[in-house]
C-alpha atoms as a PDB file:
ATOM      1  CA  MET A   1     -66.172  17.283  19.383  1.00  0.00           C
ATOM      2  CA  GLU A   2     -65.366  19.617  22.065  1.00  0.00           C
ATOM      3  CA  LYS A   3     -61.333  20.799  21.749  1.00  0.00           C
ATOM      4  CA  THR A   4     -59.265  19.589  24.769  1.00  0.00           C
ATOM      5  CA  SER A   5     -57.746  22.782  25.105  1.00  0.00           C
ATOM      6  CA  ASN A   6     -58.147  26.605  24.168  1.00  0.00           C
ATOM      7  CA  ILE A   7     -54.374  26.807  23.254  1.00  0.00           C
ATOM      8  CA  LEU A   8     -53.728  27.581  19.478  1.00  0.00           C
ATOM      9  CA  ASN A   9     -51.281  24.781  18.308  1.00  0.00           C
ATOM     10  CA  ALA A  10     -49.221  25.033  15.033  1.00  0.00           C
ATOM     11  CA  MET A  11     -50.082  23.088  12.001  1.00  0.00           C
ATOM     12  CA  THR A  12     -47.033  22.722   9.861  1.00  0.00           C
ATOM     13  CA  ILE A  13     -46.590  21.130   6.574  1.00  0.00           C
ATOM     14  CA  ASP A  14     -42.968  20.643   5.091  1.00  0.00           C
ATOM     15  CA  VAL A  15     -43.656  20.905   1.539  1.00  0.00           C
ATOM     16  CA  GLU A  16     -41.140  18.244  -0.546  1.00  0.00           C
ATOM     17  CA  ASP A  17     -41.674  15.359  -2.314  1.00  0.00           C
ATOM     18  CA  TYR A  18     -41.077  11.485  -1.562  1.00  0.00           C
ATOM     19  CA  PHE A  19     -37.828  11.287  -3.103  1.00  0.00           C
ATOM     20  CA  HIS A  20     -36.368  14.000  -1.234  1.00  0.00           C
ATOM     21  CA  VAL A  21     -36.464  12.752   2.082  1.00  0.00           C
ATOM     22  CA  GLN A  22     -33.339  11.429   4.002  1.00  0.00           C
ATOM     23  CA  ALA A  23     -34.524   7.972   4.439  1.00  0.00           C
ATOM     24  CA  PHE A  24     -34.039   7.497   0.783  1.00  0.00           C
ATOM     25  CA  ALA A  25     -30.790   9.495   0.173  1.00  0.00           C
ATOM     26  CA  HIS A  26     -28.591   6.555  -0.197  1.00  0.00           C
ATOM     27  CA  ALA A  27     -31.323   5.053  -2.681  1.00  0.00           C
ATOM     28  CA  VAL A  28     -32.311   7.981  -5.026  1.00  0.00           C
ATOM     29  CA  ASP A  29     -29.371  10.056  -6.607  1.00  0.00           C
ATOM     30  CA  ARG A  30     -30.042  13.836  -6.800  1.00  0.00           C
ATOM     31  CA  SER A  31     -28.958  13.994 -10.153  1.00  0.00           C
ATOM     32  CA  LYS A  32     -32.220  12.044 -10.665  1.00  0.00           C
ATOM     33  CA  TRP A  33     -34.644  14.089  -8.984  1.00  0.00           C
ATOM     34  CA  ASN A  34     -35.737  15.935 -11.923  1.00  0.00           C
ATOM     35  CA  SER A  35     -36.876  12.655 -13.787  1.00  0.00           C
ATOM     36  CA  MET A  36     -38.866  11.370 -10.870  1.00  0.00           C
ATOM     37  CA  GLU A  37     -42.495  11.418 -10.832  1.00  0.00           C
ATOM     38  CA  TYR A  38     -43.492  14.680  -9.397  1.00  0.00           C
ATOM     39  CA  ARG A  39     -46.223  14.250  -6.797  1.00  0.00           C
ATOM     40  CA  ALA A  40     -45.532  17.359  -4.531  1.00  0.00           C
ATOM     41  CA  GLU A  41     -48.443  19.452  -6.002  1.00  0.00           C
ATOM     42  CA  ALA A  42     -51.317  17.032  -6.056  1.00  0.00           C
ATOM     43  CA  ASN A  43     -50.368  16.137  -2.515  1.00  0.00           C
ATOM     44  CA  THR A  44     -50.174  19.624  -1.356  1.00  0.00           C
ATOM     45  CA  HIS A  45     -53.493  20.443  -2.770  1.00  0.00           C
ATOM     46  CA  ALA A  46     -54.908  17.361  -1.038  1.00  0.00           C
ATOM     47  CA  PHE A  47     -53.858  19.333   2.438  1.00  0.00           C
ATOM     48  CA  LEU A  48     -55.155  22.532   1.105  1.00  0.00           C
ATOM     49  CA  THR A  49     -58.345  20.726   0.570  1.00  0.00           C
ATOM     50  CA  PHE A  50     -58.462  19.502   4.018  1.00  0.00           C
ATOM     51  CA  PHE A  51     -57.572  22.787   5.679  1.00  0.00           C
ATOM     52  CA  ASP A  52     -60.268  24.317   3.568  1.00  0.00           C
ATOM     53  CA  LYS A  53     -62.988  21.866   4.872  1.00  0.00           C
ATOM     54  CA  HIS A  54     -61.624  22.347   8.482  1.00  0.00           C
ATOM     55  CA  SER A  55     -61.174  26.070   8.469  1.00  0.00           C
ATOM     56  CA  ILE A  56     -57.420  25.868   9.465  1.00  0.00           C
ATOM     57  CA  ARG A  57     -54.540  27.876   8.570  1.00  0.00           C
ATOM     58  CA  ALA A  58     -51.511  26.488   8.604  1.00  0.00           C
ATOM     59  CA  THR A  59     -47.616  27.038   8.085  1.00  0.00           C
ATOM     60  CA  PHE A  60     -46.199  25.657   5.084  1.00  0.00           C
ATOM     61  CA  PHE A  61     -42.413  25.327   5.286  1.00  0.00           C
ATOM     62  CA  VAL A  62     -41.618  25.303   1.460  1.00  0.00           C
ATOM     63  CA  LEU A  63     -38.241  23.514   0.294  1.00  0.00           C
ATOM     64  CA  GLY A  64     -36.582  25.776  -2.515  1.00  0.00           C
ATOM     65  CA  TRP A  65     -36.642  22.965  -4.891  1.00  0.00           C
ATOM     66  CA  VAL A  66     -40.415  22.770  -5.143  1.00  0.00           C
ATOM     67  CA  ALA A  67     -40.753  26.550  -5.025  1.00  0.00           C
ATOM     68  CA  LYS A  68     -38.605  26.899  -8.320  1.00  0.00           C
ATOM     69  CA  LYS A  69     -40.511  24.039  -9.893  1.00  0.00           C
ATOM     70  CA  SER A  70     -44.118  24.965  -8.762  1.00  0.00           C
ATOM     71  CA  PRO A  71     -44.074  29.044  -8.120  1.00  0.00           C
ATOM     72  CA  ALA A  72     -48.091  29.051  -8.661  1.00  0.00           C
ATOM     73  CA  LEU A  73     -48.677  26.529  -5.982  1.00  0.00           C
ATOM     74  CA  ILE A  74     -46.723  28.561  -3.356  1.00  0.00           C
ATOM     75  CA  ARG A  75     -48.630  31.608  -4.085  1.00  0.00           C
ATOM     76  CA  GLU A  76     -52.032  29.520  -4.169  1.00  0.00           C
ATOM     77  CA  ILE A  77     -51.056  28.348  -0.647  1.00  0.00           C
ATOM     78  CA  GLN A  78     -50.529  31.868   0.150  1.00  0.00           C
ATOM     79  CA  THR A  79     -53.868  32.915  -1.428  1.00  0.00           C
ATOM     80  CA  ALA A  80     -55.724  30.493   0.842  1.00  0.00           C
ATOM     81  CA  GLY A  81     -54.305  32.355   3.832  1.00  0.00           C
ATOM     82  CA  HIS A  82     -51.746  30.212   5.315  1.00  0.00           C
ATOM     83  CA  GLU A  83     -48.243  31.168   6.016  1.00  0.00           C
ATOM     84  CA  ILE A  84     -45.366  30.481   3.839  1.00  0.00           C
ATOM     85  CA  ALA A  85     -41.999  29.601   5.372  1.00  0.00           C
ATOM     86  CA  CYS A  86     -38.632  28.333   4.785  1.00  0.00           C
ATOM     87  CA  HIS A  87     -37.363  24.864   4.310  1.00  0.00           C
ATOM     88  CA  GLY A  88     -33.784  25.685   2.632  1.00  0.00           C
ATOM     89  CA  MET A  89     -33.131  24.973  -1.050  1.00  0.00           C
ATOM     90  CA  SER A  90     -31.748  21.131  -1.405  1.00  0.00           C
ATOM     91  CA  HIS A  91     -32.867  19.316   1.540  1.00  0.00           C
ATOM     92  CA  ARG A  92     -29.408  18.572   2.424  1.00  0.00           C
ATOM     93  CA  LEU A  93     -28.659  17.890   6.302  1.00  0.00           C
ATOM     94  CA  VAL A  94     -27.079  21.328   7.558  1.00  0.00           C
ATOM     95  CA  TYR A  95     -24.114  19.510   9.513  1.00  0.00           C
ATOM     96  CA  GLU A  96     -23.015  18.127   6.182  1.00  0.00           C
ATOM     97  CA  GLN A  97     -22.705  21.529   4.659  1.00  0.00           C
ATOM     98  CA  THR A  98     -20.324  23.776   4.911  1.00  0.00           C
ATOM     99  CA  PRO A  99     -21.221  27.314   6.861  1.00  0.00           C
ATOM    100  CA  GLN A 100     -20.631  29.179   3.521  1.00  0.00           C
ATOM    101  CA  VAL A 101     -22.626  26.735   1.419  1.00  0.00           C
ATOM    102  CA  PHE A 102     -25.558  26.840   4.214  1.00  0.00           C
ATOM    103  CA  ARG A 103     -25.389  30.556   3.843  1.00  0.00           C
ATOM    104  CA  GLU A 104     -25.822  30.580   0.427  1.00  0.00           C
ATOM    105  CA  GLU A 105     -28.542  28.122   0.079  1.00  0.00           C
ATOM    106  CA  THR A 106     -30.460  29.903   3.118  1.00  0.00           C
ATOM    107  CA  PHE A 107     -30.449  33.255   1.963  1.00  0.00           C
ATOM    108  CA  ALA A 108     -31.253  32.150  -1.877  1.00  0.00           C
ATOM    109  CA  SER A 109     -34.071  30.180  -0.801  1.00  0.00           C
ATOM    110  CA  LYS A 110     -35.794  32.790   1.418  1.00  0.00           C
ATOM    111  CA  ALA A 111     -35.324  35.407  -1.351  1.00  0.00           C
ATOM    112  CA  LEU A 112     -37.116  32.904  -3.835  1.00  0.00           C
ATOM    113  CA  LEU A 113     -39.937  32.337  -1.706  1.00  0.00           C
ATOM    114  CA  GLU A 114     -40.141  36.185  -0.863  1.00  0.00           C
ATOM    115  CA  ASP A 115     -39.903  37.037  -4.797  1.00  0.00           C
ATOM    116  CA  ILE A 116     -42.606  34.572  -5.471  1.00  0.00           C
ATOM    117  CA  THR A 117     -45.138  35.509  -2.747  1.00  0.00           C
ATOM    118  CA  GLY A 118     -44.333  39.554  -2.137  1.00  0.00           C
ATOM    119  CA  ALA A 119     -44.060  38.973   1.476  1.00  0.00           C
ATOM    120  CA  LYS A 120     -41.632  38.597   4.167  1.00  0.00           C
ATOM    121  CA  VAL A 121     -40.679  35.077   5.167  1.00  0.00           C
ATOM    122  CA  ALA A 122     -40.409  34.976   8.992  1.00  0.00           C
ATOM    123  CA  GLY A 123     -39.596  31.409   9.697  1.00  0.00           C
ATOM    124  CA  TYR A 124     -37.310  28.587   9.007  1.00  0.00           C
ATOM    125  CA  ARG A 125     -37.276  24.656   9.465  1.00  0.00           C
ATOM    126  CA  ALA A 126     -34.032  22.651   8.663  1.00  0.00           C
ATOM    127  CA  ALA A 127     -33.963  19.653   6.492  1.00  0.00           C
ATOM    128  CA  THR A 128     -34.622  16.734   8.695  1.00  0.00           C
ATOM    129  CA  TYR A 129     -34.334  18.570  11.609  1.00  0.00           C
ATOM    130  CA  SER A 130     -30.476  18.672  11.199  1.00  0.00           C
ATOM    131  CA  ILE A 131     -29.458  21.867  13.383  1.00  0.00           C
ATOM    132  CA  THR A 132     -27.688  19.750  16.174  1.00  0.00           C
ATOM    133  CA  GLN A 133     -24.960  20.328  18.569  1.00  0.00           C
ATOM    134  CA  LYS A 134     -22.546  20.180  15.580  1.00  0.00           C
ATOM    135  CA  SER A 135     -24.577  22.604  13.363  1.00  0.00           C
ATOM    136  CA  LEU A 136     -25.434  25.323  15.993  1.00  0.00           C
ATOM    137  CA  TRP A 137     -23.526  27.928  13.684  1.00  0.00           C
ATOM    138  CA  ALA A 138     -26.520  27.545  11.359  1.00  0.00           C
ATOM    139  CA  LEU A 139     -28.648  29.663  14.070  1.00  0.00           C
ATOM    140  CA  ASP A 140     -26.455  32.822  13.267  1.00  0.00           C
ATOM    141  CA  VAL A 141     -26.985  32.470   9.920  1.00  0.00           C
ATOM    142  CA  LEU A 142     -30.656  32.329  10.205  1.00  0.00           C
ATOM    143  CA  ALA A 143     -30.978  35.490  12.462  1.00  0.00           C
ATOM    144  CA  GLU A 144     -28.281  37.055   9.931  1.00  0.00           C
ATOM    145  CA  ALA A 145     -30.669  36.311   7.317  1.00  0.00           C
ATOM    146  CA  GLY A 146     -33.650  37.816   8.781  1.00  0.00           C
ATOM    147  CA  PHE A 147     -35.546  35.010  10.328  1.00  0.00           C
ATOM    148  CA  GLU A 148     -37.670  35.850  13.146  1.00  0.00           C
ATOM    149  CA  TYR A 149     -38.276  31.933  14.318  1.00  0.00           C
ATOM    150  CA  ASP A 150     -36.950  28.555  13.995  1.00  0.00           C
ATOM    151  CA  SER A 151     -38.365  25.099  14.295  1.00  0.00           C
ATOM    152  CA  SER A 152     -35.357  22.773  13.651  1.00  0.00           C
ATOM    153  CA  VAL A 153     -34.732  21.674  17.170  1.00  0.00           C
ATOM    154  CA  PHE A 154     -35.942  18.152  18.151  1.00  0.00           C
ATOM    155  CA  PRO A 155     -35.337  17.500  21.772  1.00  0.00           C
ATOM    156  CA  ILE A 156     -34.978  13.748  21.612  1.00  0.00           C
ATOM    157  CA  ARG A 157     -32.201  11.182  20.484  1.00  0.00           C
ATOM    158  CA  HIS A 158     -32.192  10.121  16.764  1.00  0.00           C
ATOM    159  CA  ASP A 159     -29.966   8.943  14.361  1.00  0.00           C
ATOM    160  CA  ASN A 160     -30.504  11.890  12.135  1.00  0.00           C
ATOM    161  CA  TYR A 161     -31.123  14.663  14.525  1.00  0.00           C
ATOM    162  CA  GLY A 162     -31.926  15.888  17.925  1.00  0.00           C
ATOM    163  CA  ILE A 163     -30.515  17.885  20.607  1.00  0.00           C
ATOM    164  CA  PRO A 164     -31.740  15.521  23.534  1.00  0.00           C
ATOM    165  CA  ASP A 165     -31.134  18.455  26.632  1.00  0.00           C
ATOM    166  CA  ALA A 166     -32.535  21.338  24.573  1.00  0.00           C
ATOM    167  CA  PRO A 167     -35.746  23.199  25.864  1.00  0.00           C
ATOM    168  CA  THR A 168     -38.929  21.555  25.012  1.00  0.00           C
ATOM    169  CA  ALA A 169     -41.154  24.859  25.192  1.00  0.00           C
ATOM    170  CA  PRO A 170     -41.158  27.585  22.678  1.00  0.00           C
ATOM    171  CA  CYS A 171     -38.841  30.396  23.806  1.00  0.00           C
ATOM    172  CA  VAL A 172     -36.521  33.129  22.739  1.00  0.00           C
ATOM    173  CA  MET A 173     -32.702  32.199  22.482  1.00  0.00           C
ATOM    174  CA  LYS A 174     -29.239  33.479  22.285  1.00  0.00           C
ATOM    175  CA  THR A 175     -27.430  32.397  19.322  1.00  0.00           C
ATOM    176  CA  PRO A 176     -24.156  31.380  19.480  1.00  0.00           C
ATOM    177  CA  ALA A 177     -22.822  34.720  18.474  1.00  0.00           C
ATOM    178  CA  GLY A 178     -25.583  36.338  20.486  1.00  0.00           C
ATOM    179  CA  HIS A 179     -28.231  37.154  18.048  1.00  0.00           C
ATOM    180  CA  SER A 180     -31.746  36.764  19.293  1.00  0.00           C
ATOM    181  CA  LEU A 181     -33.936  33.947  17.685  1.00  0.00           C
ATOM    182  CA  VAL A 182     -37.314  32.617  18.659  1.00  0.00           C
ATOM    183  CA  GLU A 183     -37.308  28.671  18.757  1.00  0.00           C
ATOM    184  CA  PHE A 184     -40.559  26.629  18.649  1.00  0.00           C
ATOM    185  CA  PRO A 185     -38.803  23.142  19.065  1.00  0.00           C
ATOM    186  CA  LEU A 186     -40.680  20.059  18.006  1.00  0.00           C
ATOM    187  CA  SER A 187     -43.024  18.372  20.514  1.00  0.00           C
ATOM    188  CA  THR A 188     -42.278  15.881  22.884  1.00  0.00           C
ATOM    189  CA  ALA A 189     -44.032  14.173  25.907  1.00  0.00           C
ATOM    190  CA  SER A 190     -42.859  12.080  28.981  1.00  0.00           C
ATOM    191  CA  PHE A 191     -44.175   8.625  29.626  1.00  0.00           C
ATOM    192  CA  PHE A 192     -42.737   6.411  32.371  1.00  0.00           C
ATOM    193  CA  GLY A 193     -39.583   8.791  32.466  1.00  0.00           C
ATOM    194  CA  MET A 194     -39.018   8.694  28.895  1.00  0.00           C
ATOM    195  CA  ARG A 195     -39.305  11.706  26.478  1.00  0.00           C
ATOM    196  CA  LEU A 196     -41.132  10.741  23.159  1.00  0.00           C
ATOM    197  CA  PRO A 197     -41.556  12.531  19.947  1.00  0.00           C
ATOM    198  CA  VAL A 198     -45.417  13.315  19.284  1.00  0.00           C
ATOM    199  CA  ALA A 199     -44.970  16.160  16.995  1.00  0.00           C
ATOM    200  CA  GLY A 200     -46.199  14.171  13.810  1.00  0.00           C
ATOM    201  CA  GLY A 201     -44.586  12.801  10.750  1.00  0.00           C
ATOM    202  CA  GLY A 202     -43.683   8.850  10.877  1.00  0.00           C
ATOM    203  CA  TYR A 203     -44.301   9.173  14.671  1.00  0.00           C
ATOM    204  CA  PHE A 204     -48.068   9.897  13.971  1.00  0.00           C
ATOM    205  CA  ARG A 205     -48.311   7.265  11.426  1.00  0.00           C
ATOM    206  CA  ILE A 206     -46.293   4.712  13.413  1.00  0.00           C
ATOM    207  CA  PHE A 207     -47.535   4.967  17.229  1.00  0.00           C
ATOM    208  CA  PRO A 208     -50.950   4.385  18.155  1.00  0.00           C
ATOM    209  CA  TYR A 209     -53.241   7.463  17.677  1.00  0.00           C
ATOM    210  CA  ALA A 210     -54.169   7.183  21.446  1.00  0.00           C
ATOM    211  CA  LEU A 211     -50.438   7.506  22.085  1.00  0.00           C
ATOM    212  CA  THR A 212     -50.181  10.909  20.204  1.00  0.00           C
ATOM    213  CA  ARG A 213     -53.263  12.226  21.355  1.00  0.00           C
ATOM    214  CA  ALA A 214     -52.336  11.635  25.210  1.00  0.00           C
ATOM    215  CA  GLY A 215     -48.735  13.246  24.295  1.00  0.00           C
ATOM    216  CA  LEU A 216     -50.278  16.402  22.783  1.00  0.00           C
ATOM    217  CA  LYS A 217     -52.687  16.631  25.458  1.00  0.00           C
ATOM    218  CA  GLN A 218     -49.864  16.430  27.952  1.00  0.00           C
ATOM    219  CA  VAL A 219     -48.119  19.273  26.429  1.00  0.00           C
ATOM    220  CA  ASN A 220     -51.140  21.475  26.378  1.00  0.00           C
ATOM    221  CA  SER A 221     -52.464  20.562  29.893  1.00  0.00           C
ATOM    222  CA  LYS A 222     -49.520  20.067  32.082  1.00  0.00           C
ATOM    223  CA  ALA A 223     -46.956  22.401  30.312  1.00  0.00           C
ATOM    224  CA  GLY A 224     -49.830  24.690  29.287  1.00  0.00           C
ATOM    225  CA  ILE A 225     -48.109  25.479  26.139  1.00  0.00           C
ATOM    226  CA  PRO A 226     -48.751  24.891  22.380  1.00  0.00           C
ATOM    227  CA  PHE A 227     -47.335  22.048  20.367  1.00  0.00           C
ATOM    228  CA  VAL A 228     -46.103  22.172  17.129  1.00  0.00           C
ATOM    229  CA  PHE A 229     -47.466  19.295  14.472  1.00  0.00           C
ATOM    230  CA  TYR A 230     -45.852  18.305  11.488  1.00  0.00           C
ATOM    231  CA  LEU A 231     -46.672  16.487   8.221  1.00  0.00           C
ATOM    232  CA  HIS A 232     -45.260  16.078   4.725  1.00  0.00           C
ATOM    233  CA  PRO A 233     -47.588  16.217   1.430  1.00  0.00           C
ATOM    234  CA  TRP A 234     -46.235  12.476   0.410  1.00  0.00           C
ATOM    235  CA  GLU A 235     -47.767  11.268   3.779  1.00  0.00           C
ATOM    236  CA  ALA A 236     -51.230  11.479   2.369  1.00  0.00           C
ATOM    237  CA  ASP A 237     -50.084   9.459  -0.767  1.00  0.00           C
ATOM    238  CA  PRO A 238     -50.286   5.489  -0.340  1.00  0.00           C
ATOM    239  CA  LYS A 239     -50.114   5.320  -4.301  1.00  0.00           C
ATOM    240  CA  GLN A 240     -46.796   6.980  -4.642  1.00  0.00           C
ATOM    241  CA  PRO A 241     -43.937   5.134  -6.203  1.00  0.00           C
ATOM    242  CA  THR A 242     -41.973   2.651  -4.072  1.00  0.00           C
ATOM    243  CA  ILE A 243     -38.353   2.994  -3.775  1.00  0.00           C
ATOM    244  CA  ARG A 244     -35.903   0.252  -2.977  1.00  0.00           C
ATOM    245  CA  ALA A 245     -34.116   0.924   0.425  1.00  0.00           C
ATOM    246  CA  GLY A 246     -33.224  -0.544   3.649  1.00  0.00           C
ATOM    247  CA  TRP A 247     -35.948  -2.129   6.003  1.00  0.00           C
ATOM    248  CA  LYS A 248     -36.051   0.811   8.310  1.00  0.00           C
ATOM    249  CA  SER A 249     -36.128   3.479   5.589  1.00  0.00           C
ATOM    250  CA  LYS A 250     -39.289   1.473   4.449  1.00  0.00           C
ATOM    251  CA  LEU A 251     -40.570   1.200   7.841  1.00  0.00           C
ATOM    252  CA  ARG A 252     -40.457   5.026   8.410  1.00  0.00           C
ATOM    253  CA  HIS A 253     -41.609   6.058   5.084  1.00  0.00           C
ATOM    254  CA  TYR A 254     -44.455   3.714   4.175  1.00  0.00           C
ATOM    255  CA  THR A 255     -46.110   2.639   7.252  1.00  0.00           C
ATOM    256  CA  ASN A 256     -49.875   3.662   7.774  1.00  0.00           C
ATOM    257  CA  LEU A 257     -49.948   6.217   4.816  1.00  0.00           C
ATOM    258  CA  SER A 258     -53.478   5.501   3.930  1.00  0.00           C
ATOM    259  CA  GLN A 259     -54.406   6.542   7.494  1.00  0.00           C
ATOM    260  CA  THR A 260     -52.837   9.735   7.610  1.00  0.00           C
ATOM    261  CA  LEU A 261     -55.865  11.723   6.861  1.00  0.00           C
ATOM    262  CA  PRO A 262     -58.231   9.613   8.874  1.00  0.00           C
ATOM    263  CA  ARG A 263     -55.839  10.269  11.901  1.00  0.00           C
ATOM    264  CA  LEU A 264     -55.597  13.884  11.213  1.00  0.00           C
ATOM    265  CA  GLU A 265     -59.441  14.327  10.831  1.00  0.00           C
ATOM    266  CA  ARG A 266     -59.525  12.987  14.458  1.00  0.00           C
ATOM    267  CA  LEU A 267     -56.705  15.180  15.573  1.00  0.00           C
ATOM    268  CA  VAL A 268     -58.178  18.343  14.490  1.00  0.00           C
ATOM    269  CA  SER A 269     -61.386  17.789  15.902  1.00  0.00           C
ATOM    270  CA  GLU A 270     -59.764  17.564  19.183  1.00  0.00           C
ATOM    271  CA  PHE A 271     -57.236  20.485  19.257  1.00  0.00           C
ATOM    272  CA  ARG A 272     -57.048  23.904  18.150  1.00  0.00           C
ATOM    273  CA  PHE A 273     -54.830  24.582  15.223  1.00  0.00           C
ATOM    274  CA  GLY A 274     -53.302  27.849  13.531  1.00  0.00           C
ATOM    275  CA  THR A 275     -50.094  29.067  11.849  1.00  0.00           C
ATOM    276  CA  MET A 276     -46.545  29.137  13.573  1.00  0.00           C
ATOM    277  CA  ARG A 277     -46.772  32.964  13.941  1.00  0.00           C
ATOM    278  CA  GLU A 278     -50.459  32.702  15.442  1.00  0.00           C
ATOM    279  CA  SER A 279     -49.479  29.985  18.027  1.00  0.00           C
ATOM    280  CA  LEU A 280     -46.173  31.942  19.003  1.00  0.00           C
ATOM    281  CA  GLY A 281     -48.041  35.031  18.963  1.00  0.00           C
ATOM    282  CA  GLN A 282     -50.618  33.891  21.933  1.00  0.00           C
ATOM    283  CA  MET A 283     -47.517  33.355  23.971  1.00  0.00           C
ATOM    284  CA  GLY A 284     -46.336  36.836  23.307  1.00  0.00           C
ATOM    285  CA  LEU A 285     -43.075  35.199  21.445  1.00  0.00           C
ATOM    286  CA  TYR A 286     -43.710  36.374  17.778  1.00  0.00           C
ATOM    287  CA  GLY A 287     -41.914  39.642  17.240  1.00  0.00           C
ATOM    288  CA  SER A 288     -40.287  39.335  20.763  1.00  0.00           C
ATOM    289  CA  VAL A 289     -36.769  38.544  19.308  1.00  0.00           C
ATOM    290  CA  LYS A 290     -34.924  41.678  20.748  1.00  0.00           C
ATOM    291  CA  SER A 291     -35.622  40.294  24.366  1.00  0.00           C
ATOM    292  CA  PRO A 292     -33.559  37.105  24.575  1.00  0.00           C
ATOM    293  CA  GLN A 293     -33.776  34.770  27.500  1.00  0.00           C
ATOM    294  CA  PRO A 294     -30.952  32.606  28.574  1.00  0.00           C
ATOM    295  CA  ILE A 295     -31.714  28.927  28.272  1.00  0.00           C
ATOM    296  CA  SER A 296     -29.949  25.668  28.718  1.00  0.00           C
ATOM    297  CA  SER A 297     -26.100  25.820  28.190  1.00  0.00           C
ATOM    298  CA  VAL A 298     -26.255  22.267  26.813  1.00  0.00           C
ATOM    299  CA  ALA A 299     -28.474  23.381  24.213  1.00  0.00           C
ATOM    300  CA  LEU A 300     -26.743  26.235  22.803  1.00  0.00           C
ATOM    301  CA  ALA A 301     -23.036  25.530  23.957  1.00  0.00           C
END
């Protein structure tokens, strides 16, 4: 099928397991993580096989907890030609950590991934996109840690995350303390005057495919920019253990798991994908962190 645009969009995978997700934070005690059935390796391999089949290079935002448990998996991702980026260490919401704890975890997780791969880690994504108005200080920590880009800001309203008035296009921004950092926000589209999330994950599984396609096409054609798309390894695993949780958590987590890969097949047949660095590079943003541009004071006040 002919691609809808020549724009190279960013394909990203947040490497974590089913029991790490915020939807189950109140149902699964962290002290039990090591005793849970571990499925992150097999599910990540499913995506590696998929990307190899379609000649796609992606960015894998790796949780430090997984990297400690499966260092060989991280090297395998790297050897396959994908980009390794950081997803923090413990999957705690940023705004529930103190700045000092966040700093320690961020520096440690970056160092861990760089020790495993022997290469610089340039990108970061917060657990559950939890860099919000109340945790903007985290952007300074990322800059000080040496990250070149971040993809933690979701320009929507949500009960766990979001900065509704943040810029929707990739840009070089100034952090609260005046550092420079590239931000690649999660993608949204406008329908009937409403901003909707179309970046992947549960939205990709729950919304009709046609809506996701229309939204992403809008980002490419009307805005003329690349979009960032994300999934988690557990989203292609309909046989994962069922965790007892509230109806909202179950809806978000379990809906249409069996449709993830078939829908992804359609998506990659219609849009072009590469790594975050490649996608930002086509915009002249990767490696441009020394030339910050002013952005909305609402976003970084």
